[in-house]
Protein backbone atom coordinates (compact mmCIF):
# COMPACT_ATOMS: atom_id res chain seq x y z
CA MET A 1 -18.84 -11.36 2.01
CA LYS A 2 -14.92 -12.26 1.41
CA TYR A 3 -12.02 -9.91 1.85
CA ARG A 4 -8.49 -10.21 0.27
CA VAL A 5 -5.44 -8.37 1.59
CA HIS A 6 -2.39 -7.88 -0.93
CA ARG A 7 1.31 -6.39 0.36
CA LEU A 8 2.42 -3.88 -1.89
CA ASP A 9 6.10 -2.92 -1.49
CA VAL A 10 6.55 0.76 -2.46
CA ARG A 11 8.90 3.37 -2.72
CA MET A 12 6.54 6.40 -2.39
CA THR A 13 8.54 8.60 -4.18
CA ARG A 14 8.85 6.68 -7.41
CA ASP A 15 5.61 3.76 -7.41
CA GLN A 16 2.78 5.78 -8.09
CA VAL A 17 2.25 4.46 -11.61
CA ARG A 18 2.99 0.74 -10.25
CA LEU A 19 0.19 1.63 -7.53
CA GLU A 20 -2.27 2.99 -9.75
CA GLN A 21 -2.27 -0.20 -12.02
CA PHE A 22 -2.14 -2.46 -9.19
CA LEU A 23 -5.63 -0.56 -8.26
CA ASN A 24 -6.97 -0.68 -11.36
CA ASN A 25 -6.32 -4.21 -12.25
CA LEU A 26 -7.93 -5.29 -8.78
CA ASP A 27 -11.58 -7.22 -9.69
CA GLY A 28 -13.14 -6.10 -6.23
CA GLU A 29 -13.75 -2.81 -4.44
CA VAL A 30 -10.82 -0.81 -2.35
CA ILE A 31 -11.63 -1.04 1.39
CA ALA A 32 -8.64 0.45 2.67
CA ILE A 33 -5.29 1.21 1.81
CA ILE A 34 -2.74 0.75 4.98
CA PRO A 35 0.45 2.20 4.92
CA ASN A 36 3.28 0.62 7.04
CA ILE A 37 5.60 3.79 8.41
CA THR A 38 9.09 3.58 10.05
CA VAL A 39 10.70 6.23 11.26
CA GLN A 40 14.78 5.97 10.78
CA VAL A 41 15.61 7.72 14.62
CA PRO A 42 19.43 8.74 13.70
CA THR A 43 18.91 10.59 10.85
CA TYR A 44 16.34 13.15 12.02
CA TRP A 45 13.33 11.44 12.29
CA ILE A 46 12.77 10.61 8.88
CA HIS A 47 9.23 8.79 7.98
CA LYS A 48 9.71 6.16 5.57
CA VAL A 49 6.71 3.99 3.87
CA ASP A 50 8.13 0.50 3.38
CA PHE A 51 4.86 -1.39 2.12
CA LEU A 52 1.38 -1.04 1.96
CA LEU A 53 -1.48 -3.36 2.39
CA ILE A 54 -4.35 -3.26 0.47
CA VAL A 55 -7.95 -4.76 1.69
CA GLU A 56 -9.97 -5.65 -1.35
CA LYS A 57 -13.81 -7.16 -1.14
CA VAL A 58 -14.48 -9.34 -3.20
CA SER A 59 -18.09 -11.13 -4.23
């Protein structure tokens, strides 16, 4: 089995349609979606998702 890892830069507040289109256009099976979360310390510990890693299993 082979796996492919995609990186998708997103803003969680406005890229829902973009993520949906990306997932629907994949040929293989989605194994995992891993968010990269950062914390902005001086501004009251706000968490932000910078990008997603999407692991796809291809045949």
